[in-house]
């Protein structure tokens, strides 16, 4: 997909699955107590750190993919 183009249904599904996986993973790792409707400070911190780590990881993956595509002659597509 090029900049400015709408993602295809398959690309949207992949993006949705990635976000759902992130949310599920961080929630399962960070939220342990259901005694209150509010998150504790430590749960909030954990969720923020988890989301940041995942965002940084995705950025790194995209950077490596772009470098790899540049070395391979700029071919399109995803992993």
Protein backbone atom coordinates (compact mmCIF):
# COMPACT_ATOMS: atom_id res chain seq x y z
CA UNK A 1 0.00 0.00 0.00
CA UNK A 2 1.31 3.45 -0.93
CA UNK A 3 0.93 6.58 1.16
CA UNK A 4 -2.54 8.06 0.68
CA UNK A 5 -4.17 4.83 -0.46
CA UNK A 6 -6.92 3.18 1.54
CA UNK A 7 -5.85 -0.14 3.05
CA UNK A 8 -7.44 -3.23 1.57
CA UNK A 9 -9.81 -5.35 3.63
CA UNK A 10 -6.99 -7.85 4.24
CA UNK A 11 -4.63 -5.10 5.42
CA UNK A 12 -7.33 -3.68 7.68
CA UNK A 13 -7.91 -7.12 9.18
CA UNK A 14 -4.18 -7.56 9.84
CA UNK A 15 -4.01 -4.12 11.48
CA UNK A 16 -7.05 -4.92 13.62
CA UNK A 17 -5.57 -8.26 14.69
CA UNK A 18 -2.27 -6.60 15.62
CA UNK A 19 -4.02 -3.95 17.74
CA UNK A 20 -6.26 -6.57 19.37
CA UNK A 21 -3.22 -8.72 20.14
CA UNK A 22 -1.42 -5.72 21.68
CA UNK A 23 -4.41 -4.79 23.84
CA UNK A 24 -4.95 -8.38 24.97
CA UNK A 25 -1.31 -8.96 25.75
CA UNK A 26 -0.88 -5.75 27.72
CA UNK A 27 -4.17 -6.22 29.57
CA UNK A 28 -3.30 -9.78 30.55
CA UNK A 29 0.18 -8.75 31.69
CA UNK A 30 -0.82 -5.62 33.58
CA UNK A 31 -4.34 -5.86 34.97
CA UNK A 32 -4.55 -8.25 37.90
CA UNK A 33 -7.16 -6.86 40.26
CA UNK A 34 -10.85 -6.48 39.46
CA UNK A 35 -11.95 -5.11 42.86
CA UNK A 36 -12.38 -1.62 41.41
CA UNK A 37 -13.65 -0.24 38.11
CA UNK A 38 -10.58 2.01 38.00
CA UNK A 39 -7.06 0.95 37.14
CA UNK A 40 -4.46 1.26 39.86
CA UNK A 41 -1.49 3.54 39.30
CA UNK A 42 0.80 0.53 38.80
CA UNK A 43 -1.62 -0.98 36.25
CA UNK A 44 -1.76 2.33 34.36
CA UNK A 45 2.03 2.57 34.35
CA UNK A 46 2.37 -1.03 33.20
CA UNK A 47 -0.14 -0.52 30.37
CA UNK A 48 1.61 2.67 29.22
CA UNK A 49 5.02 0.97 29.26
CA UNK A 50 3.66 -2.10 27.47
CA UNK A 51 2.03 -0.01 24.74
CA UNK A 52 5.22 2.06 24.30
CA UNK A 53 7.41 -1.05 24.01
CA UNK A 54 5.06 -2.52 21.41
CA UNK A 55 4.95 0.74 19.43
CA UNK A 56 8.75 0.96 19.48
CA UNK A 57 8.98 -2.66 18.35
CA UNK A 58 6.59 -2.02 15.45
CA UNK A 59 8.63 1.05 14.43
CA UNK A 60 11.81 -1.01 14.47
CA UNK A 61 10.21 -3.78 12.40
CA UNK A 62 9.01 -1.24 9.81
CA UNK A 63 12.47 0.36 9.67
CA UNK A 64 14.17 -3.01 9.13
CA UNK A 65 11.59 -3.96 6.50
CA UNK A 66 12.16 -0.70 4.62
CA UNK A 67 15.93 -1.17 4.74
CA UNK A 68 15.58 -4.75 3.53
CA UNK A 69 13.30 -3.69 0.67
CA UNK A 70 15.79 -0.98 -0.29
CA UNK A 71 18.60 -3.55 -0.42
CA UNK A 72 16.45 -5.92 -2.46
CA UNK A 73 15.57 -3.33 -5.08
CA UNK A 74 12.52 -1.75 -3.49
CA UNK A 75 10.03 -4.57 -4.00
CA UNK A 76 6.62 -4.00 -2.42
CA UNK A 77 4.62 -6.15 -0.10
CA UNK A 78 4.62 -7.02 3.52
CA UNK A 79 6.32 -9.67 5.61
